Amino acid sequence: MKFISLIISVIVFVFSGFYFSTNLKYSNDLNYIVYMLTWLILLFISVIGIVYSIPALNRRKRRFRNLIYNSYSERRIKHKEFDEKFHIFN
């Protein structure tokens, strides 16, 4: 889901950056200033979306359950079965 959000944020950033740069001119008209500020706000929102979504690409899914155990425990699992199901932290 975050990958889709990242793609959408990048597309919106490119789209709004293109329109912001093509419509950029010197003007004192209040309507033009509000219009350009709206495009600038959209650019900032898309940058925040990109920054928020990037860590989702770096995370790896865990395939093992973590278990901290004591080898002297009575409920100790045998080694073969243990190695298949758990990742060991000593």
PDB file of N, CA and C in Angstrom:
ATOM      1  N   MET A   1       0.818  -1.188   0.000  1.00  0.00           N
ATOM      2  CA  MET A   1       0.000   0.000   0.000  1.00  0.00           C
ATOM      3  C   MET A   1       0.872   1.267   0.000  1.00  0.00           C
ATOM      4  N   LYS A   2       1.972   1.213   0.758  1.00  0.00           N
ATOM      5  CA  LYS A   2       2.850   2.386   0.775  1.00  0.00           C
ATOM      6  C   LYS A   2       3.587   2.542  -0.550  1.00  0.00           C
ATOM      7  N   PHE A   3       3.793   1.441  -1.250  1.00  0.00           N
ATOM      8  CA  PHE A   3       4.442   1.527  -2.552  1.00  0.00           C
ATOM      9  C   PHE A   3       3.546   2.275  -3.536  1.00  0.00           C
ATOM     10  N   ILE A   4       2.248   2.005  -3.487  1.00  0.00           N
ATOM     11  CA  ILE A   4       1.293   2.709  -4.348  1.00  0.00           C
ATOM     12  C   ILE A   4       1.253   4.188  -3.969  1.00  0.00           C
ATOM     13  N   SER A   5       1.292   4.473  -2.676  1.00  0.00           N
ATOM     14  CA  SER A   5       1.318   5.860  -2.208  1.00  0.00           C
ATOM     15  C   SER A   5       2.571   6.578  -2.701  1.00  0.00           C
ATOM     16  N   LEU A   6       3.689   5.886  -2.709  1.00  0.00           N
ATOM     17  CA  LEU A   6       4.934   6.474  -3.211  1.00  0.00           C
ATOM     18  C   LEU A   6       4.824   6.797  -4.694  1.00  0.00           C
ATOM     19  N   ILE A   7       4.279   5.882  -5.459  1.00  0.00           N
ATOM     20  CA  ILE A   7       4.123   6.105  -6.901  1.00  0.00           C
ATOM     21  C   ILE A   7       3.205   7.291  -7.164  1.00  0.00           C
ATOM     22  N   ILE A   8       2.094   7.358  -6.442  1.00  0.00           N
ATOM     23  CA  ILE A   8       1.155   8.471  -6.619  1.00  0.00           C
ATOM     24  C   ILE A   8       1.809   9.793  -6.227  1.00  0.00           C
ATOM     25  N   SER A   9       2.568   9.805  -5.145  1.00  0.00           N
ATOM     26  CA  SER A   9       3.246  11.035  -4.714  1.00  0.00           C
ATOM     27  C   SER A   9       4.262  11.505  -5.750  1.00  0.00           C
ATOM     28  N   VAL A  10       4.987  10.581  -6.336  1.00  0.00           N
ATOM     29  CA  VAL A  10       5.969  10.957  -7.364  1.00  0.00           C
ATOM     30  C   VAL A  10       5.262  11.509  -8.597  1.00  0.00           C
ATOM     31  N   ILE A  11       4.167  10.878  -8.999  1.00  0.00           N
ATOM     32  CA  ILE A  11       3.411  11.357 -10.164  1.00  0.00           C
ATOM     33  C   ILE A  11       2.858  12.754  -9.908  1.00  0.00           C
ATOM     34  N   VAL A  12       2.292  12.971  -8.726  1.00  0.00           N
ATOM     35  CA  VAL A  12       1.754  14.293  -8.382  1.00  0.00           C
ATOM     36  C   VAL A  12       2.872  15.327  -8.318  1.00  0.00           C
ATOM     37  N   PHE A  13       4.035  14.944  -7.793  1.00  0.00           N
ATOM     38  CA  PHE A  13       5.168  15.870  -7.733  1.00  0.00           C
ATOM     39  C   PHE A  13       5.604  16.291  -9.130  1.00  0.00           C
ATOM     40  N   VAL A  14       5.720  15.341 -10.037  1.00  0.00           N
ATOM     41  CA  VAL A  14       6.136  15.656 -11.406  1.00  0.00           C
ATOM     42  C   VAL A  14       5.085  16.527 -12.088  1.00  0.00           C
ATOM     43  N   PHE A  15       3.825  16.164 -11.941  1.00  0.00           N
ATOM     44  CA  PHE A  15       2.727  16.912 -12.557  1.00  0.00           C
ATOM     45  C   PHE A  15       2.673  18.349 -12.035  1.00  0.00           C
ATOM     46  N   SER A  16       2.691  18.510 -10.712  1.00  0.00           N
ATOM     47  CA  SER A  16       2.587  19.854 -10.144  1.00  0.00           C
ATOM     48  C   SER A  16       3.860  20.662 -10.390  1.00  0.00           C
ATOM     49  N   GLY A  17       5.012  20.006 -10.388  1.00  0.00           N
ATOM     50  CA  GLY A  17       6.257  20.708 -10.705  1.00  0.00           C
ATOM     51  C   GLY A  17       6.282  21.215 -12.132  1.00  0.00           C
ATOM     52  N   PHE A  18       5.756  20.418 -13.047  1.00  0.00           N
ATOM     53  CA  PHE A  18       5.683  20.835 -14.450  1.00  0.00           C
ATOM     54  C   PHE A  18       4.780  22.054 -14.601  1.00  0.00           C
ATOM     55  N   TYR A  19       3.584  21.992 -14.029  1.00  0.00           N
ATOM     56  CA  TYR A  19       2.664  23.119 -14.157  1.00  0.00           C
ATOM     57  C   TYR A  19       3.139  24.342 -13.381  1.00  0.00           C
ATOM     58  N   PHE A  20       3.799  24.136 -12.260  1.00  0.00           N
ATOM     59  CA  PHE A  20       4.351  25.265 -11.510  1.00  0.00           C
ATOM     60  C   PHE A  20       5.421  25.972 -12.336  1.00  0.00           C
ATOM     61  N   SER A  21       6.301  25.206 -12.967  1.00  0.00           N
ATOM     62  CA  SER A  21       7.396  25.818 -13.730  1.00  0.00           C
ATOM     63  C   SER A  21       6.918  26.446 -15.037  1.00  0.00           C
ATOM     64  N   THR A  22       5.895  25.872 -15.675  1.00  0.00           N
ATOM     65  CA  THR A  22       5.414  26.450 -16.934  1.00  0.00           C
ATOM     66  C   THR A  22       4.601  27.718 -16.709  1.00  0.00           C
ATOM     67  N   ASN A  23       3.946  27.845 -15.569  1.00  0.00           N
ATOM     68  CA  ASN A  23       3.123  29.026 -15.295  1.00  0.00           C
ATOM     69  C   ASN A  23       3.852  30.089 -14.488  1.00  0.00           C
ATOM     70  N   LEU A  24       5.127  29.881 -14.219  1.00  0.00           N
ATOM     71  CA  LEU A  24       5.886  30.819 -13.403  1.00  0.00           C
ATOM     72  C   LEU A  24       6.238  32.060 -14.219  1.00  0.00           C
ATOM     73  N   LYS A  25       5.796  33.207 -13.756  1.00  0.00           N
ATOM     74  CA  LYS A  25       6.117  34.490 -14.378  1.00  0.00           C
ATOM     75  C   LYS A  25       6.033  35.564 -13.303  1.00  0.00           C
ATOM     76  N   TYR A  26       6.524  36.715 -13.597  1.00  0.00           N
ATOM     77  CA  TYR A  26       6.481  37.809 -12.633  1.00  0.00           C
ATOM     78  C   TYR A  26       5.129  38.507 -12.751  1.00  0.00           C
ATOM     79  N   SER A  27       4.407  38.560 -11.639  1.00  0.00           N
ATOM     80  CA  SER A  27       3.103  39.209 -11.639  1.00  0.00           C
ATOM     81  C   SER A  27       2.778  39.684 -10.231  1.00  0.00           C
ATOM     82  N   ASN A  28       2.053  40.793 -10.150  1.00  0.00           N
ATOM     83  CA  ASN A  28       1.605  41.319  -8.866  1.00  0.00           C
ATOM     84  C   ASN A  28       0.132  41.028  -8.615  1.00  0.00           C
ATOM     85  N   ASP A  29      -0.487  40.322  -9.502  1.00  0.00           N
ATOM     86  CA  ASP A  29      -1.912  40.023  -9.370  1.00  0.00           C
ATOM     87  C   ASP A  29      -2.127  39.041  -8.216  1.00  0.00           C
ATOM     88  N   LEU A  30      -3.080  39.340  -7.346  1.00  0.00           N
ATOM     89  CA  LEU A  30      -3.340  38.502  -6.176  1.00  0.00           C
ATOM     90  C   LEU A  30      -3.837  37.113  -6.582  1.00  0.00           C
ATOM     91  N   ASN A  31      -4.660  37.045  -7.613  1.00  0.00           N
ATOM     92  CA  ASN A  31      -5.169  35.741  -8.063  1.00  0.00           C
ATOM     93  C   ASN A  31      -4.029  34.841  -8.544  1.00  0.00           C
ATOM     94  N   TYR A  32      -3.076  35.434  -9.243  1.00  0.00           N
ATOM     95  CA  TYR A  32      -1.929  34.660  -9.716  1.00  0.00           C
ATOM     96  C   TYR A  32      -1.081  34.167  -8.541  1.00  0.00           C
ATOM     97  N   ILE A  33      -0.887  35.017  -7.543  1.00  0.00           N
ATOM     98  CA  ILE A  33      -0.093  34.629  -6.371  1.00  0.00           C
ATOM     99  C   ILE A  33      -0.765  33.484  -5.624  1.00  0.00           C
ATOM    100  N   VAL A  34      -2.074  33.554  -5.445  1.00  0.00           N
ATOM    101  CA  VAL A  34      -2.811  32.473  -4.775  1.00  0.00           C
ATOM    102  C   VAL A  34      -2.735  31.193  -5.603  1.00  0.00           C
ATOM    103  N   TYR A  35      -2.859  31.326  -6.925  1.00  0.00           N
ATOM    104  CA  TYR A  35      -2.780  30.172  -7.822  1.00  0.00           C
ATOM    105  C   TYR A  35      -1.420  29.480  -7.715  1.00  0.00           C
ATOM    106  N   MET A  36      -0.341  30.259  -7.714  1.00  0.00           N
ATOM    107  CA  MET A  36       0.995  29.677  -7.630  1.00  0.00           C
ATOM    108  C   MET A  36       1.273  29.111  -6.238  1.00  0.00           C
ATOM    109  N   LEU A  37       0.744  29.742  -5.202  1.00  0.00           N
ATOM    110  CA  LEU A  37       0.906  29.192  -3.854  1.00  0.00           C
ATOM    111  C   LEU A  37       0.179  27.857  -3.714  1.00  0.00           C
ATOM    112  N   THR A  38      -0.946  27.717  -4.396  1.00  0.00           N
ATOM    113  CA  THR A  38      -1.667  26.439  -4.380  1.00  0.00           C
ATOM    114  C   THR A  38      -0.824  25.335  -5.019  1.00  0.00           C
ATOM    115  N   TRP A  39      -0.184  25.640  -6.146  1.00  0.00           N
ATOM    116  CA  TRP A  39       0.697  24.660  -6.780  1.00  0.00           C
ATOM    117  C   TRP A  39       1.896  24.345  -5.893  1.00  0.00           C
ATOM    118  N   LEU A  40       2.414  25.368  -5.206  1.00  0.00           N
ATOM    119  CA  LEU A  40       3.556  25.168  -4.318  1.00  0.00           C
ATOM    120  C   LEU A  40       3.183  24.297  -3.120  1.00  0.00           C
ATOM    121  N   ILE A  41       1.994  24.508  -2.574  1.00  0.00           N
ATOM    122  CA  ILE A  41       1.515  23.670  -1.463  1.00  0.00           C
ATOM    123  C   ILE A  41       1.353  22.226  -1.926  1.00  0.00           C
ATOM    124  N   LEU A  42       0.838  22.035  -3.137  1.00  0.00           N
ATOM    125  CA  LEU A  42       0.705  20.680  -3.679  1.00  0.00           C
ATOM    126  C   LEU A  42       2.074  20.025  -3.855  1.00  0.00           C
ATOM    127  N   LEU A  43       3.062  20.796  -4.269  1.00  0.00           N
ATOM    128  CA  LEU A  43       4.427  20.268  -4.371  1.00  0.00           C
ATOM    129  C   LEU A  43       4.946  19.821  -3.010  1.00  0.00           C
ATOM    130  N   PHE A  44       4.741  20.639  -1.983  1.00  0.00           N
ATOM    131  CA  PHE A  44       5.210  20.288  -0.639  1.00  0.00           C
ATOM    132  C   PHE A  44       4.490  19.065  -0.085  1.00  0.00           C
ATOM    133  N   ILE A  45       3.196  18.953  -0.346  1.00  0.00           N
ATOM    134  CA  ILE A  45       2.444  17.781   0.120  1.00  0.00           C
ATOM    135  C   ILE A  45       2.971  16.515  -0.540  1.00  0.00           C
ATOM    136  N   SER A  46       3.270  16.591  -1.828  1.00  0.00           N
ATOM    137  CA  SER A  46       3.794  15.405  -2.511  1.00  0.00           C
ATOM    138  C   SER A  46       5.201  15.056  -2.021  1.00  0.00           C
ATOM    139  N   VAL A  47       6.015  16.046  -1.682  1.00  0.00           N
ATOM    140  CA  VAL A  47       7.345  15.771  -1.123  1.00  0.00           C
ATOM    141  C   VAL A  47       7.212  15.077   0.226  1.00  0.00           C
ATOM    142  N   ILE A  48       6.283  15.536   1.051  1.00  0.00           N
ATOM    143  CA  ILE A  48       6.048  14.885   2.344  1.00  0.00           C
ATOM    144  C   ILE A  48       5.585  13.445   2.131  1.00  0.00           C
ATOM    145  N   GLY A  49       4.725  13.214   1.144  1.00  0.00           N
ATOM    146  CA  GLY A  49       4.283  11.852   0.839  1.00  0.00           C
ATOM    147  C   GLY A  49       5.424  10.962   0.387  1.00  0.00           C
ATOM    148  N   ILE A  50       6.340  11.511  -0.389  1.00  0.00           N
ATOM    149  CA  ILE A  50       7.497  10.737  -0.847  1.00  0.00           C
ATOM    150  C   ILE A  50       8.407  10.392   0.328  1.00  0.00           C
ATOM    151  N   VAL A  51       8.689  11.370   1.176  1.00  0.00           N
ATOM    152  CA  VAL A  51       9.562  11.136   2.330  1.00  0.00           C
ATOM    153  C   VAL A  51       8.931  10.126   3.281  1.00  0.00           C
ATOM    154  N   TYR A  52       7.623  10.183   3.436  1.00  0.00           N
ATOM    155  CA  TYR A  52       6.920   9.257   4.321  1.00  0.00           C
ATOM    156  C   TYR A  52       6.917   7.831   3.767  1.00  0.00           C
ATOM    157  N   SER A  53       6.896   7.677   2.454  1.00  0.00           N
ATOM    158  CA  SER A  53       6.765   6.354   1.841  1.00  0.00           C
ATOM    159  C   SER A  53       8.090   5.666   1.561  1.00  0.00           C
ATOM    160  N   ILE A  54       9.184   6.373   1.518  1.00  0.00           N
ATOM    161  CA  ILE A  54      10.476   5.765   1.184  1.00  0.00           C
ATOM    162  C   ILE A  54      10.908   4.686   2.178  1.00  0.00           C
ATOM    163  N   PRO A  55      10.742   4.844   3.502  1.00  0.00           N
ATOM    164  CA  PRO A  55      11.170   3.768   4.410  1.00  0.00           C
ATOM    165  C   PRO A  55      10.440   2.445   4.184  1.00  0.00           C
ATOM    166  N   ALA A  56       9.292   2.467   3.560  1.00  0.00           N
ATOM    167  CA  ALA A  56       8.569   1.224   3.280  1.00  0.00           C
ATOM    168  C   ALA A  56       9.330   0.362   2.284  1.00  0.00           C
ATOM    169  N   LEU A  57      10.124   0.970   1.436  1.00  0.00           N
ATOM    170  CA  LEU A  57      10.895   0.199   0.462  1.00  0.00           C
ATOM    171  C   LEU A  57      12.095  -0.486   1.103  1.00  0.00           C
ATOM    172  N   ASN A  58      12.600   0.063   2.194  1.00  0.00           N
ATOM    173  CA  ASN A  58      13.793  -0.484   2.841  1.00  0.00           C
ATOM    174  C   ASN A  58      13.489  -1.595   3.830  1.00  0.00           C
ATOM    175  N   ARG A  59      12.262  -1.711   4.262  1.00  0.00           N
ATOM    176  CA  ARG A  59      11.920  -2.735   5.249  1.00  0.00           C
ATOM    177  C   ARG A  59      11.829  -4.104   4.595  1.00  0.00           C
ATOM    178  N   ARG A  60      12.302  -5.091   5.316  1.00  0.00           N
ATOM    179  CA  ARG A  60      12.186  -6.471   4.846  1.00  0.00           C
ATOM    180  C   ARG A  60      11.196  -7.192   5.728  1.00  0.00           C
ATOM    181  N   LYS A  61      10.428  -8.050   5.119  1.00  0.00           N
ATOM    182  CA  LYS A  61       9.465  -8.821   5.901  1.00  0.00           C
ATOM    183  C   LYS A  61      10.189  -9.944   6.623  1.00  0.00           C
ATOM    184  N   ARG A  62       9.816 -10.156   7.862  1.00  0.00           N
ATOM    185  CA  ARG A  62      10.428 -11.229   8.645  1.00  0.00           C
ATOM    186  C   ARG A  62       9.752 -12.552   8.314  1.00  0.00           C
ATOM    187  N   ARG A  63      10.561 -13.539   8.076  1.00  0.00           N
ATOM    188  CA  ARG A  63      10.026 -14.867   7.789  1.00  0.00           C
ATOM    189  C   ARG A  63      10.129 -15.784   8.988  1.00  0.00           C
ATOM    190  N   PHE A  64      10.837 -15.342  10.005  1.00  0.00           N
ATOM    191  CA  PHE A  64      11.032 -16.155  11.196  1.00  0.00           C
ATOM    192  C   PHE A  64      10.414 -15.453  12.396  1.00  0.00           C
ATOM    193  N   ARG A  65       9.908 -16.247  13.298  1.00  0.00           N
ATOM    194  CA  ARG A  65       9.484 -15.700  14.578  1.00  0.00           C
ATOM    195  C   ARG A  65      10.697 -15.650  15.485  1.00  0.00           C
ATOM    196  N   ASN A  66      10.800 -14.616  16.269  1.00  0.00           N
ATOM    197  CA  ASN A  66      11.937 -14.473  17.180  1.00  0.00           C
ATOM    198  C   ASN A  66      11.610 -15.115  18.513  1.00  0.00           C
ATOM    199  N   LEU A  67      12.572 -15.838  19.043  1.00  0.00           N
ATOM    200  CA  LEU A  67      12.388 -16.491  20.331  1.00  0.00           C
ATOM    201  C   LEU A  67      13.693 -16.419  21.102  1.00  0.00           C
ATOM    202  N   ILE A  68      13.613 -15.895  22.299  1.00  0.00           N
ATOM    203  CA  ILE A  68      14.760 -15.904  23.196  1.00  0.00           C
ATOM    204  C   ILE A  68      14.512 -17.037  24.172  1.00  0.00           C
ATOM    205  N   TYR A  69      15.443 -17.973  24.258  1.00  0.00           N
ATOM    206  CA  TYR A  69      15.194 -19.148  25.089  1.00  0.00           C
ATOM    207  C   TYR A  69      16.423 -19.482  25.915  1.00  0.00           C
ATOM    208  N   ASN A  70      16.189 -20.281  26.908  1.00  0.00           N
ATOM    209  CA  ASN A  70      17.240 -20.788  27.775  1.00  0.00           C
ATOM    210  C   ASN A  70      17.416 -22.265  27.438  1.00  0.00           C
ATOM    211  N   SER A  71      18.629 -22.701  27.204  1.00  0.00           N
ATOM    212  CA  SER A  71      18.854 -24.094  26.809  1.00  0.00           C
ATOM    213  C   SER A  71      18.557 -25.077  27.935  1.00  0.00           C
ATOM    214  N   TYR A  72      18.405 -24.596  29.161  1.00  0.00           N
ATOM    215  CA  TYR A  72      18.094 -25.474  30.288  1.00  0.00           C
ATOM    216  C   TYR A  72      16.592 -25.536  30.573  1.00  0.00           C
ATOM    217  N   SER A  73      15.811 -24.941  29.730  1.00  0.00           N
ATOM    218  CA  SER A  73      14.370 -24.894  29.950  1.00  0.00           C
ATOM    219  C   SER A  73      13.746 -26.272  29.761  1.00  0.00           C
ATOM    220  N   GLU A  74      12.696 -26.548  30.524  1.00  0.00           N
ATOM    221  CA  GLU A  74      11.994 -27.832  30.404  1.00  0.00           C
ATOM    222  C   GLU A  74      11.204 -27.912  29.106  1.00  0.00           C
ATOM    223  N   ARG A  75      10.711 -26.778  28.629  1.00  0.00           N
ATOM    224  CA  ARG A  75       9.885 -26.776  27.428  1.00  0.00           C
ATOM    225  C   ARG A  75      10.720 -26.507  26.176  1.00  0.00           C
ATOM    226  N   ARG A  76      11.950 -26.901  26.190  1.00  0.00           N
ATOM    227  CA  ARG A  76      12.845 -26.662  25.075  1.00  0.00           C
ATOM    228  C   ARG A  76      12.410 -27.475  23.858  1.00  0.00           C
ATOM    229  N   ILE A  77      12.481 -26.866  22.693  1.00  0.00           N
ATOM    230  CA  ILE A  77      12.109 -27.532  21.445  1.00  0.00           C
ATOM    231  C   ILE A  77      13.354 -28.206  20.883  1.00  0.00           C
ATOM    232  N   LYS A  78      13.176 -29.378  20.288  1.00  0.00           N
ATOM    233  CA  LYS A  78      14.317 -30.088  19.709  1.00  0.00           C
ATOM    234  C   LYS A  78      14.909 -29.277  18.557  1.00  0.00           C
ATOM    235  N   HIS A  79      16.182 -29.457  18.320  1.00  0.00           N
ATOM    236  CA  HIS A  79      16.932 -28.588  17.427  1.00  0.00           C
ATOM    237  C   HIS A  79      16.383 -28.520  16.011  1.00  0.00           C
ATOM    238  N   LYS A  80      16.076 -29.630  15.382  1.00  0.00           N
ATOM    239  CA  LYS A  80      15.610 -29.603  14.007  1.00  0.00           C
ATOM    240  C   LYS A  80      14.295 -28.845  13.885  1.00  0.00           C
ATOM    241  N   GLU A  81      13.377 -29.161  14.739  1.00  0.00           N
ATOM    242  CA  GLU A  81      12.076 -28.500  14.719  1.00  0.00           C
ATOM    243  C   GLU A  81      12.222 -27.019  15.069  1.00  0.00           C
ATOM    244  N   PHE A  82      13.116 -26.733  15.988  1.00  0.00           N
ATOM    245  CA  PHE A  82      13.342 -25.351  16.410  1.00  0.00           C
ATOM    246  C   PHE A  82      13.904 -24.520  15.263  1.00  0.00           C
ATOM    247  N   ASP A  83      14.893 -25.046  14.567  1.00  0.00           N
ATOM    248  CA  ASP A  83      15.536 -24.305  13.490  1.00  0.00           C
ATOM    249  C   ASP A  83      14.589 -24.013  12.340  1.00  0.00           C
ATOM    250  N   GLU A  84      13.603 -24.870  12.121  1.00  0.00           N
ATOM    251  CA  GLU A  84      12.643 -24.644  11.055  1.00  0.00           C
ATOM    252  C   GLU A  84      11.661 -23.536  11.396  1.00  0.00           C
ATOM    253  N   LYS A  85      11.353 -23.355  12.671  1.00  0.00           N
ATOM    254  CA  LYS A  85      10.287 -22.434  13.054  1.00  0.00           C
ATOM    255  C   LYS A  85      10.763 -21.099  13.595  1.00  0.00           C
ATOM    256  N   PHE A  86      11.944 -21.055  14.190  1.00  0.00           N
ATOM    257  CA  PHE A  86      12.337 -19.856  14.920  1.00  0.00           C
ATOM    258  C   PHE A  86      13.713 -19.364  14.502  1.00  0.00           C
ATOM    259  N   HIS A  87      13.917 -18.086  14.732  1.00  0.00           N
ATOM    260  CA  HIS A  87      15.221 -17.455  14.566  1.00  0.00           C
ATOM    261  C   HIS A  87      15.778 -17.242  15.970  1.00  0.00           C
ATOM    262  N   ILE A  88      16.997 -17.683  16.218  1.00  0.00           N
ATOM    263  CA  ILE A  88      17.533 -17.712  17.581  1.00  0.00           C
ATOM    264  C   ILE A  88      18.265 -16.416  17.906  1.00  0.00           C
ATOM    265  N   PHE A  89      17.962 -15.854  19.075  1.00  0.00           N
ATOM    266  CA  PHE A  89      18.727 -14.755  19.657  1.00  0.00           C
ATOM    267  C   PHE A  89      19.348 -15.259  20.936  1.00  0.00           C
ATOM    268  N   ASN A  90      20.657 -15.244  21.036  1.00  0.00           N
ATOM    269  CA  ASN A  90      21.323 -15.684  22.268  1.00  0.00           C
ATOM    270  C   ASN A  90      21.758 -14.485  23.063  1.00  0.00           C
TER     271      ASN A  90
END
